[in-house]
Amino acid sequence: MDRVTVDIRAGGGARASEILADLRSVAETLYFPMRLVGFWDSRADIHLCPQEERREACPHRLARNAPGRVDYEATLSRERRASLQVAFPHAGITIYMA
């Protein structure tokens, strides 16, 4: 999977948006015609989980060495054909695109 980091640093009182919808628009504009297929918000500890959408248990939050743990990127690559990860460190959000 290709990885891109969009590092926004502001001086003074200006602050960049940390809203997922805004960051999605930025990522989709930069990498058109790709579209969001998943995200991970580390601050709110939420993500778009294909397993939870199917009413299955989420295997992504288990401990690294726990049996049954599945890497989120691997899931999105396999199930949603994600090929690009766009990280926004100022917001703690990573968007996955296909």
PDB file of N, CA and C in Angstrom:
ATOM      1  N   MET A   1       0.848  -1.171   0.000  1.00  0.00           N
ATOM      2  CA  MET A   1       0.000   0.000   0.000  1.00  0.00           C
ATOM      3  C   MET A   1       0.896   1.237   0.000  1.00  0.00           C
ATOM      4  N   ASP A   2       0.577   2.190  -0.857  1.00  0.00           N
ATOM      5  CA  ASP A   2       1.304   3.459  -0.882  1.00  0.00           C
ATOM      6  C   ASP A   2       0.865   4.309   0.301  1.00  0.00           C
ATOM      7  N   ARG A   3       1.791   5.114   0.817  1.00  0.00           N
ATOM      8  CA  ARG A   3       1.500   5.948   1.980  1.00  0.00           C
ATOM      9  C   ARG A   3       1.868   7.398   1.711  1.00  0.00           C
ATOM     10  N   VAL A   4       0.975   8.289   2.136  1.00  0.00           N
ATOM     11  CA  VAL A   4       1.183   9.727   2.004  1.00  0.00           C
ATOM     12  C   VAL A   4       0.854  10.353   3.352  1.00  0.00           C
ATOM     13  N   THR A   5       1.671  11.323   3.777  1.00  0.00           N
ATOM     14  CA  THR A   5       1.390  12.061   5.001  1.00  0.00           C
ATOM     15  C   THR A   5       1.161  13.517   4.635  1.00  0.00           C
ATOM     16  N   VAL A   6       0.020  14.035   5.050  1.00  0.00           N
ATOM     17  CA  VAL A   6      -0.296  15.452   4.839  1.00  0.00           C
ATOM     18  C   VAL A   6      -0.091  16.127   6.188  1.00  0.00           C
ATOM     19  N   ASP A   7       1.041  16.798   6.333  1.00  0.00           N
ATOM     20  CA  ASP A   7       1.433  17.405   7.597  1.00  0.00           C
ATOM     21  C   ASP A   7       1.123  18.889   7.541  1.00  0.00           C
ATOM     22  N   ILE A   8       0.134  19.308   8.306  1.00  0.00           N
ATOM     23  CA  ILE A   8      -0.293  20.707   8.304  1.00  0.00           C
ATOM     24  C   ILE A   8       0.194  21.363   9.584  1.00  0.00           C
ATOM     25  N   ARG A   9       1.015  22.400   9.422  1.00  0.00           N
ATOM     26  CA  ARG A   9       1.522  23.149  10.572  1.00  0.00           C
ATOM     27  C   ARG A   9       1.114  24.597  10.393  1.00  0.00           C
ATOM     28  N   ALA A  10       0.476  25.124  11.405  1.00  0.00           N
ATOM     29  CA  ALA A  10      -0.001  26.501  11.329  1.00  0.00           C
ATOM     30  C   ALA A  10       0.685  27.346  12.389  1.00  0.00           C
ATOM     31  N   GLY A  11       0.995  28.565  12.021  1.00  0.00           N
ATOM     32  CA  GLY A  11       1.557  29.504  12.973  1.00  0.00           C
ATOM     33  C   GLY A  11       0.468  30.452  13.445  1.00  0.00           C
ATOM     34  N   GLY A  12       0.612  30.975  14.612  1.00  0.00           N
ATOM     35  CA  GLY A  12      -0.377  31.912  15.124  1.00  0.00           C
ATOM     36  C   GLY A  12      -1.626  31.202  15.613  1.00  0.00           C
ATOM     37  N   GLY A  13      -2.763  31.845  15.417  1.00  0.00           N
ATOM     38  CA  GLY A  13      -4.026  31.307  15.927  1.00  0.00           C
ATOM     39  C   GLY A  13      -4.784  30.433  14.944  1.00  0.00           C
ATOM     40  N   ALA A  14      -4.313  30.347  13.716  1.00  0.00           N
ATOM     41  CA  ALA A  14      -5.025  29.533  12.714  1.00  0.00           C
ATOM     42  C   ALA A  14      -4.865  28.051  13.036  1.00  0.00           C
ATOM     43  N   ARG A  15      -5.929  27.296  12.767  1.00  0.00           N
ATOM     44  CA  ARG A  15      -5.893  25.866  13.034  1.00  0.00           C
ATOM     45  C   ARG A  15      -6.567  25.125  11.886  1.00  0.00           C
ATOM     46  N   ALA A  16      -5.949  24.080  11.416  1.00  0.00           N
ATOM     47  CA  ALA A  16      -6.507  23.288  10.323  1.00  0.00           C
ATOM     48  C   ALA A  16      -7.663  22.433  10.822  1.00  0.00           C
ATOM     49  N   SER A  17      -8.575  22.123   9.923  1.00  0.00           N
ATOM     50  CA  SER A  17      -9.724  21.299  10.270  1.00  0.00           C
ATOM     51  C   SER A  17      -9.290  19.907  10.705  1.00  0.00           C
ATOM     52  N   GLU A  18      -9.995  19.370  11.664  1.00  0.00           N
ATOM     53  CA  GLU A  18      -9.769  18.000  12.121  1.00  0.00           C
ATOM     54  C   GLU A  18     -11.026  17.163  11.910  1.00  0.00           C
ATOM     55  N   ILE A  19     -11.937  17.671  11.088  1.00  0.00           N
ATOM     56  CA  ILE A  19     -13.209  17.005  10.816  1.00  0.00           C
ATOM     57  C   ILE A  19     -13.012  15.988   9.701  1.00  0.00           C
ATOM     58  N   LEU A  20     -13.443  14.763   9.941  1.00  0.00           N
ATOM     59  CA  LEU A  20     -13.254  13.682   8.984  1.00  0.00           C
ATOM     60  C   LEU A  20     -13.801  14.030   7.604  1.00  0.00           C
ATOM     61  N   ALA A  21     -14.981  14.621   7.535  1.00  0.00           N
ATOM     62  CA  ALA A  21     -15.574  14.958   6.236  1.00  0.00           C
ATOM     63  C   ALA A  21     -14.701  15.937   5.459  1.00  0.00           C
ATOM     64  N   ASP A  22     -14.108  16.898   6.155  1.00  0.00           N
ATOM     65  CA  ASP A  22     -13.220  17.858   5.498  1.00  0.00           C
ATOM     66  C   ASP A  22     -11.958  17.171   4.983  1.00  0.00           C
ATOM     67  N   LEU A  23     -11.377  16.311   5.806  1.00  0.00           N
ATOM     68  CA  LEU A  23     -10.156  15.608   5.412  1.00  0.00           C
ATOM     69  C   LEU A  23     -10.429  14.622   4.282  1.00  0.00           C
ATOM     70  N   ARG A  24     -11.606  14.031   4.288  1.00  0.00           N
ATOM     71  CA  ARG A  24     -12.004  13.151   3.174  1.00  0.00           C
ATOM     72  C   ARG A  24     -12.050  13.945   1.873  1.00  0.00           C
ATOM     73  N   SER A  25     -12.647  15.132   1.921  1.00  0.00           N
ATOM     74  CA  SER A  25     -12.720  15.980   0.728  1.00  0.00           C
ATOM     75  C   SER A  25     -11.335  16.331   0.214  1.00  0.00           C
ATOM     76  N   VAL A  26     -10.421  16.630   1.124  1.00  0.00           N
ATOM     77  CA  VAL A  26      -9.042  16.963   0.743  1.00  0.00           C
ATOM     78  C   VAL A  26      -8.389  15.763   0.058  1.00  0.00           C
ATOM     79  N   ALA A  27      -8.480  14.595   0.687  1.00  0.00           N
ATOM     80  CA  ALA A  27      -7.843  13.396   0.138  1.00  0.00           C
ATOM     81  C   ALA A  27      -8.436  13.028  -1.217  1.00  0.00           C
ATOM     82  N   GLU A  28      -9.755  13.097  -1.344  1.00  0.00           N
ATOM     83  CA  GLU A  28     -10.401  12.731  -2.608  1.00  0.00           C
ATOM     84  C   GLU A  28     -10.115  13.755  -3.701  1.00  0.00           C
ATOM     85  N   THR A  29      -9.906  15.001  -3.320  1.00  0.00           N
ATOM     86  CA  THR A  29      -9.542  16.020  -4.307  1.00  0.00           C
ATOM     87  C   THR A  29      -8.103  15.820  -4.774  1.00  0.00           C
ATOM     88  N   LEU A  30      -7.206  15.554  -3.836  1.00  0.00           N
ATOM     89  CA  LEU A  30      -5.803  15.350  -4.192  1.00  0.00           C
ATOM     90  C   LEU A  30      -5.590  14.104  -5.050  1.00  0.00           C
ATOM     91  N   TYR A  31      -6.352  13.058  -4.788  1.00  0.00           N
ATOM     92  CA  TYR A  31      -6.118  11.778  -5.461  1.00  0.00           C
ATOM     93  C   TYR A  31      -7.306  11.310  -6.296  1.00  0.00           C
ATOM     94  N   PHE A  32      -8.053  12.263  -6.863  1.00  0.00           N
ATOM     95  CA  PHE A  32      -9.163  11.933  -7.753  1.00  0.00           C
ATOM     96  C   PHE A  32      -8.648  11.054  -8.881  1.00  0.00           C
ATOM     97  N   PRO A  33      -9.304  10.016  -9.258  1.00  0.00           N
ATOM     98  CA  PRO A  33     -10.677   9.589  -8.966  1.00  0.00           C
ATOM     99  C   PRO A  33     -10.801   8.595  -7.814  1.00  0.00           C
ATOM    100  N   MET A  34      -9.779   8.468  -6.974  1.00  0.00           N
ATOM    101  CA  MET A  34      -9.859   7.533  -5.849  1.00  0.00           C
ATOM    102  C   MET A  34     -10.902   8.016  -4.841  1.00  0.00           C
ATOM    103  N   ARG A  35     -11.456   7.054  -4.107  1.00  0.00           N
ATOM    104  CA  ARG A  35     -12.479   7.354  -3.107  1.00  0.00           C
ATOM    105  C   ARG A  35     -12.148   6.677  -1.783  1.00  0.00           C
ATOM    106  N   LEU A  36     -12.668   7.237  -0.695  1.00  0.00           N
ATOM    107  CA  LEU A  36     -12.479   6.675   0.630  1.00  0.00           C
ATOM    108  C   LEU A  36     -13.147   5.295   0.715  1.00  0.00           C
ATOM    109  N   VAL A  37     -12.396   4.330   1.260  1.00  0.00           N
ATOM    110  CA  VAL A  37     -12.966   2.995   1.500  1.00  0.00           C
ATOM    111  C   VAL A  37     -12.844   2.607   2.977  1.00  0.00           C
ATOM    112  N   GLY A  38     -12.138   3.422   3.750  1.00  0.00           N
ATOM    113  CA  GLY A  38     -12.001   3.177   5.172  1.00  0.00           C
ATOM    114  C   GLY A  38     -11.254   4.311   5.840  1.00  0.00           C
ATOM    115  N   PHE A  39     -11.362   4.374   7.160  1.00  0.00           N
ATOM    116  CA  PHE A  39     -10.610   5.384   7.915  1.00  0.00           C
ATOM    117  C   PHE A  39     -10.363   4.852   9.311  1.00  0.00           C
ATOM    118  N   TRP A  40      -9.359   5.420   9.958  1.00  0.00           N
ATOM    119  CA  TRP A  40      -9.075   5.123  11.367  1.00  0.00           C
ATOM    120  C   TRP A  40      -8.833   6.452  12.054  1.00  0.00           C
ATOM    121  N   ASP A  41      -9.660   6.751  13.051  1.00  0.00           N
ATOM    122  CA  ASP A  41      -9.522   7.964  13.853  1.00  0.00           C
ATOM    123  C   ASP A  41      -8.940   7.534  15.189  1.00  0.00           C
ATOM    124  N   SER A  42      -7.650   7.780  15.379  1.00  0.00           N
ATOM    125  CA  SER A  42      -6.981   7.304  16.590  1.00  0.00           C
ATOM    126  C   SER A  42      -7.389   8.087  17.832  1.00  0.00           C
ATOM    127  N   ARG A  43      -7.799   9.324  17.675  1.00  0.00           N
ATOM    128  CA  ARG A  43      -8.206  10.110  18.846  1.00  0.00           C
ATOM    129  C   ARG A  43      -9.555   9.651  19.384  1.00  0.00           C
ATOM    130  N   ALA A  44     -10.509   9.421  18.485  1.00  0.00           N
ATOM    131  CA  ALA A  44     -11.843   8.978  18.906  1.00  0.00           C
ATOM    132  C   ALA A  44     -11.916   7.456  19.026  1.00  0.00           C
ATOM    133  N   ASP A  45     -10.847   6.771  18.605  1.00  0.00           N
ATOM    134  CA  ASP A  45     -10.772   5.314  18.608  1.00  0.00           C
ATOM    135  C   ASP A  45     -11.954   4.686  17.857  1.00  0.00           C
ATOM    136  N   ILE A  46     -12.174   5.178  16.631  1.00  0.00           N
ATOM    137  CA  ILE A  46     -13.213   4.606  15.769  1.00  0.00           C
ATOM    138  C   ILE A  46     -12.620   4.338  14.392  1.00  0.00           C
ATOM    139  N   HIS A  47     -13.232   3.413  13.695  1.00  0.00           N
ATOM    140  CA  HIS A  47     -12.820   3.122  12.329  1.00  0.00           C
ATOM    141  C   HIS A  47     -14.003   2.538  11.570  1.00  0.00           C
ATOM    142  N   LEU A  48     -13.895   2.554  10.272  1.00  0.00           N
ATOM    143  CA  LEU A  48     -14.928   1.987   9.406  1.00  0.00           C
ATOM    144  C   LEU A  48     -14.580   0.513   9.230  1.00  0.00           C
ATOM    145  N   CYS A  49     -15.301  -0.359   9.926  1.00  0.00           N
ATOM    146  CA  CYS A  49     -14.936  -1.768  10.026  1.00  0.00           C
ATOM    147  C   CYS A  49     -15.847  -2.645   9.170  1.00  0.00           C
ATOM    148  N   PRO A  50     -15.291  -3.303   8.142  1.00  0.00           N
ATOM    149  CA  PRO A  50     -16.111  -4.195   7.313  1.00  0.00           C
ATOM    150  C   PRO A  50     -16.744  -5.336   8.117  1.00  0.00           C
ATOM    151  N   GLN A  51     -16.046  -5.852   9.114  1.00  0.00           N
ATOM    152  CA  GLN A  51     -16.595  -6.939   9.919  1.00  0.00           C
ATOM    153  C   GLN A  51     -17.792  -6.462  10.736  1.00  0.00           C
ATOM    154  N   GLU A  52     -17.689  -5.288  11.340  1.00  0.00           N
ATOM    155  CA  GLU A  52     -18.814  -4.766  12.120  1.00  0.00           C
ATOM    156  C   GLU A  52     -20.001  -4.454  11.215  1.00  0.00           C
ATOM    157  N   GLU A  53     -19.757  -4.045   9.986  1.00  0.00           N
ATOM    158  CA  GLU A  53     -20.849  -3.811   9.046  1.00  0.00           C
ATOM    159  C   GLU A  53     -21.619  -5.100   8.759  1.00  0.00           C
ATOM    160  N   ARG A  54     -20.919  -6.241   8.866  1.00  0.00           N
ATOM    161  CA  ARG A  54     -21.562  -7.549   8.664  1.00  0.00           C
ATOM    162  C   ARG A  54     -22.060  -8.133   9.984  1.00  0.00           C
ATOM    163  N   ARG A  55     -22.028  -7.317  11.048  1.00  0.00           N
ATOM    164  CA  ARG A  55     -22.437  -7.713  12.398  1.00  0.00           C
ATOM    165  C   ARG A  55     -21.568  -8.841  12.970  1.00  0.00           C
ATOM    166  N   GLU A  56     -20.275  -8.773  12.639  1.00  0.00           N
ATOM    167  CA  GLU A  56     -19.285  -9.699  13.184  1.00  0.00           C
ATOM    168  C   GLU A  56     -18.418  -8.940  14.180  1.00  0.00           C
ATOM    169  N   ALA A  57     -17.666  -9.665  14.978  1.00  0.00           N
ATOM    170  CA  ALA A  57     -16.756  -9.034  15.940  1.00  0.00           C
ATOM    171  C   ALA A  57     -15.589  -8.385  15.196  1.00  0.00           C
ATOM    172  N   CYS A  58     -15.166  -7.234  15.688  1.00  0.00           N
ATOM    173  CA  CYS A  58     -14.049  -6.518  15.074  1.00  0.00           C
ATOM    174  C   CYS A  58     -12.722  -7.160  15.469  1.00  0.00           C
ATOM    175  N   PRO A  59     -11.920  -7.606  14.487  1.00  0.00           N
ATOM    176  CA  PRO A  59     -10.629  -8.213  14.796  1.00  0.00           C
ATOM    177  C   PRO A  59      -9.464  -7.226  14.810  1.00  0.00           C
ATOM    178  N   HIS A  60      -9.741  -5.939  14.638  1.00  0.00           N
ATOM    179  CA  HIS A  60      -8.674  -4.948  14.482  1.00  0.00           C
ATOM    180  C   HIS A  60      -8.198  -4.340  15.799  1.00  0.00           C
ATOM    181  N   ARG A  61      -9.008  -4.406  16.825  1.00  0.00           N
ATOM    182  CA  ARG A  61      -8.649  -3.781  18.100  1.00  0.00           C
ATOM    183  C   ARG A  61      -7.997  -4.743  19.082  1.00  0.00           C
ATOM    184  N   LEU A  62      -7.850  -5.991  18.686  1.00  0.00           N
ATOM    185  CA  LEU A  62      -7.203  -6.960  19.576  1.00  0.00           C
ATOM    186  C   LEU A  62      -5.725  -6.621  19.720  1.00  0.00           C
ATOM    187  N   ALA A  63      -5.116  -7.116  20.782  1.00  0.00           N
ATOM    188  CA  ALA A  63      -3.679  -6.897  21.008  1.00  0.00           C
ATOM    189  C   ALA A  63      -2.886  -7.441  19.821  1.00  0.00           C
ATOM    190  N   ARG A  64      -1.742  -6.855  19.564  1.00  0.00           N
ATOM    191  CA  ARG A  64      -0.907  -7.215  18.405  1.00  0.00           C
ATOM    192  C   ARG A  64      -0.632  -8.713  18.291  1.00  0.00           C
ATOM    193  N   ASN A  65      -0.420  -9.381  19.414  1.00  0.00           N
ATOM    194  CA  ASN A  65      -0.067 -10.803  19.372  1.00  0.00           C
ATOM    195  C   ASN A  65      -1.255 -11.716  19.672  1.00  0.00           C
ATOM    196  N   ALA A  66      -2.454 -11.156  19.750  1.00  0.00           N
ATOM    197  CA  ALA A  66      -3.644 -11.958  20.070  1.00  0.00           C
ATOM    198  C   ALA A  66      -4.052 -12.818  18.872  1.00  0.00           C
ATOM    199  N   PRO A  67      -4.449 -14.061  19.155  1.00  0.00           N
ATOM    200  CA  PRO A  67      -4.947 -14.892  18.060  1.00  0.00           C
ATOM    201  C   PRO A  67      -6.248 -14.293  17.536  1.00  0.00           C
ATOM    202  N   GLY A  68      -6.407 -14.313  16.254  1.00  0.00           N
ATOM    203  CA  GLY A  68      -7.616 -13.752  15.649  1.00  0.00           C
ATOM    204  C   GLY A  68      -7.486 -12.298  15.250  1.00  0.00           C
ATOM    205  N   ARG A  69      -6.384 -11.658  15.631  1.00  0.00           N
ATOM    206  CA  ARG A  69      -6.197 -10.262  15.238  1.00  0.00           C
ATOM    207  C   ARG A  69      -5.878 -10.186  13.756  1.00  0.00           C
ATOM    208  N   VAL A  70      -6.507  -9.226  13.107  1.00  0.00           N
ATOM    209  CA  VAL A  70      -6.273  -8.991  11.682  1.00  0.00           C
ATOM    210  C   VAL A  70      -5.881  -7.532  11.521  1.00  0.00           C
ATOM    211  N   ASP A  71      -4.859  -7.267  10.732  1.00  0.00           N
ATOM    212  CA  ASP A  71      -4.415  -5.902  10.480  1.00  0.00           C
ATOM    213  C   ASP A  71      -5.465  -5.164   9.654  1.00  0.00           C
ATOM    214  N   TYR A  72      -5.801  -3.950  10.071  1.00  0.00           N
ATOM    215  CA  TYR A  72      -6.833  -3.164   9.390  1.00  0.00           C
ATOM    216  C   TYR A  72      -6.474  -2.906   7.937  1.00  0.00           C
ATOM    217  N   GLU A  73      -5.223  -2.555   7.673  1.00  0.00           N
ATOM    218  CA  GLU A  73      -4.793  -2.310   6.292  1.00  0.00           C
ATOM    219  C   GLU A  73      -4.948  -3.554   5.426  1.00  0.00           C
ATOM    220  N   ALA A  74      -4.625  -4.713   5.989  1.00  0.00           N
ATOM    221  CA  ALA A  74      -4.771  -5.961   5.234  1.00  0.00           C
ATOM    222  C   ALA A  74      -6.231  -6.222   4.892  1.00  0.00           C
ATOM    223  N   THR A  75      -7.118  -5.946   5.838  1.00  0.00           N
ATOM    224  CA  THR A  75      -8.553  -6.118   5.587  1.00  0.00           C
ATOM    225  C   THR A  75      -9.014  -5.217   4.453  1.00  0.00           C
ATOM    226  N   LEU A  76      -8.628  -3.932   4.508  1.00  0.00           N
ATOM    227  CA  LEU A  76      -9.073  -2.995   3.473  1.00  0.00           C
ATOM    228  C   LEU A  76      -8.443  -3.313   2.127  1.00  0.00           C
ATOM    229  N   SER A  77      -7.207  -3.753   2.114  1.00  0.00           N
ATOM    230  CA  SER A  77      -6.564  -4.141   0.852  1.00  0.00           C
ATOM    231  C   SER A  77      -7.299  -5.320   0.219  1.00  0.00           C
ATOM    232  N   ARG A  78      -7.631  -6.289   1.040  1.00  0.00           N
ATOM    233  CA  ARG A  78      -8.262  -7.509   0.538  1.00  0.00           C
ATOM    234  C   ARG A  78      -9.734  -7.291   0.183  1.00  0.00           C
ATOM    235  N   GLU A  79     -10.491  -6.679   1.082  1.00  0.00           N
ATOM    236  CA  GLU A  79     -11.932  -6.597   0.902  1.00  0.00           C
ATOM    237  C   GLU A  79     -12.405  -5.379   0.107  1.00  0.00           C
ATOM    238  N   ARG A  80     -11.646  -4.295   0.174  1.00  0.00           N
ATOM    239  CA  ARG A  80     -12.093  -3.069  -0.492  1.00  0.00           C
ATOM    240  C   ARG A  80     -11.086  -2.531  -1.491  1.00  0.00           C
ATOM    241  N   ARG A  81     -10.021  -3.294  -1.719  1.00  0.00           N
ATOM    242  CA  ARG A  81      -8.988  -2.962  -2.700  1.00  0.00           C
ATOM    243  C   ARG A  81      -8.309  -1.613  -2.447  1.00  0.00           C
ATOM    244  N   ALA A  82      -8.135  -1.280  -1.189  1.00  0.00           N
ATOM    245  CA  ALA A  82      -7.434  -0.049  -0.826  1.00  0.00           C
ATOM    246  C   ALA A  82      -5.988  -0.134  -1.289  1.00  0.00           C
ATOM    247  N   SER A  83      -5.508   0.953  -1.865  1.00  0.00           N
ATOM    248  CA  SER A  83      -4.121   0.967  -2.339  1.00  0.00           C
ATOM    249  C   SER A  83      -3.362   2.216  -1.887  1.00  0.00           C
ATOM    250  N   LEU A  84      -4.051   3.130  -1.179  1.00  0.00           N
ATOM    251  CA  LEU A  84      -3.420   4.370  -0.744  1.00  0.00           C
ATOM    252  C   LEU A  84      -3.857   4.708   0.673  1.00  0.00           C
ATOM    253  N   GLN A  85      -2.877   5.012   1.517  1.00  0.00           N
ATOM    254  CA  GLN A  85      -3.128   5.460   2.880  1.00  0.00           C
ATOM    255  C   GLN A  85      -2.732   6.933   2.958  1.00  0.00           C
ATOM    256  N   VAL A  86      -3.667   7.792   3.373  1.00  0.00           N
ATOM    257  CA  VAL A  86      -3.394   9.219   3.515  1.00  0.00           C
ATOM    258  C   VAL A  86      -3.528   9.564   4.998  1.00  0.00           C
ATOM    259  N   ALA A  87      -2.405   9.901   5.636  1.00  0.00           N
ATOM    260  CA  ALA A  87      -2.391  10.200   7.067  1.00  0.00           C
ATOM    261  C   ALA A  87      -2.419  11.709   7.290  1.00  0.00           C
ATOM    262  N   PHE A  88      -3.231  12.117   8.248  1.00  0.00           N
ATOM    263  CA  PHE A  88      -3.316  13.511   8.682  1.00  0.00           C
ATOM    264  C   PHE A  88      -2.930  13.535  10.160  1.00  0.00           C
ATOM    265  N   PRO A  89      -1.617  13.617  10.471  1.00  0.00           N
ATOM    266  CA  PRO A  89      -1.174  13.524  11.867  1.00  0.00           C
ATOM    267  C   PRO A  89      -1.724  14.619  12.780  1.00  0.00           C
ATOM    268  N   HIS A  90      -1.984  15.797  12.253  1.00  0.00           N
ATOM    269  CA  HIS A  90      -2.506  16.874  13.096  1.00  0.00           C
ATOM    270  C   HIS A  90      -3.892  16.526  13.655  1.00  0.00           C
ATOM    271  N   ALA A  91      -4.629  15.657  12.949  1.00  0.00           N
ATOM    272  CA  ALA A  91      -5.976  15.271  13.378  1.00  0.00           C
ATOM    273  C   ALA A  91      -6.015  13.864  13.959  1.00  0.00           C
ATOM    274  N   GLY A  92      -4.942  13.100  13.780  1.00  0.00           N
ATOM    275  CA  GLY A  92      -4.943  11.716  14.241  1.00  0.00           C
ATOM    276  C   GLY A  92      -5.824  10.820  13.398  1.00  0.00           C
ATOM    277  N   ILE A  93      -6.014  11.193  12.120  1.00  0.00           N
ATOM    278  CA  ILE A  93      -6.903  10.445  11.227  1.00  0.00           C
ATOM    279  C   ILE A  93      -6.110   9.918  10.033  1.00  0.00           C
ATOM    280  N   THR A  94      -6.371   8.669   9.692  1.00  0.00           N
ATOM    281  CA  THR A  94      -5.799   8.064   8.501  1.00  0.00           C
ATOM    282  C   THR A  94      -6.941   7.621   7.607  1.00  0.00           C
ATOM    283  N   ILE A  95      -6.861   8.005   6.335  1.00  0.00           N
ATOM    284  CA  ILE A  95      -7.894   7.666   5.356  1.00  0.00           C
ATOM    285  C   ILE A  95      -7.301   6.670   4.374  1.00  0.00           C
ATOM    286  N   TYR A  96      -8.070   5.650   4.039  1.00  0.00           N
ATOM    287  CA  TYR A  96      -7.659   4.627   3.088  1.00  0.00           C
ATOM    288  C   TYR A  96      -8.505   4.767   1.834  1.00  0.00           C
ATOM    289  N   MET A  97      -7.831   4.722   0.684  1.00  0.00           N
ATOM    290  CA  MET A  97      -8.514   4.997  -0.579  1.00  0.00           C
ATOM    291  C   MET A  97      -8.281   3.893  -1.607  1.00  0.00           C
ATOM    292  N   ALA A  98      -9.251   3.760  -2.487  1.00  0.00           N
ATOM    293  CA  ALA A  98      -9.150   2.820  -3.597  1.00  0.00           C
ATOM    294  C   ALA A  98      -9.615   3.515  -4.865  1.00  0.00           C
TER     295      ALA A  98
END
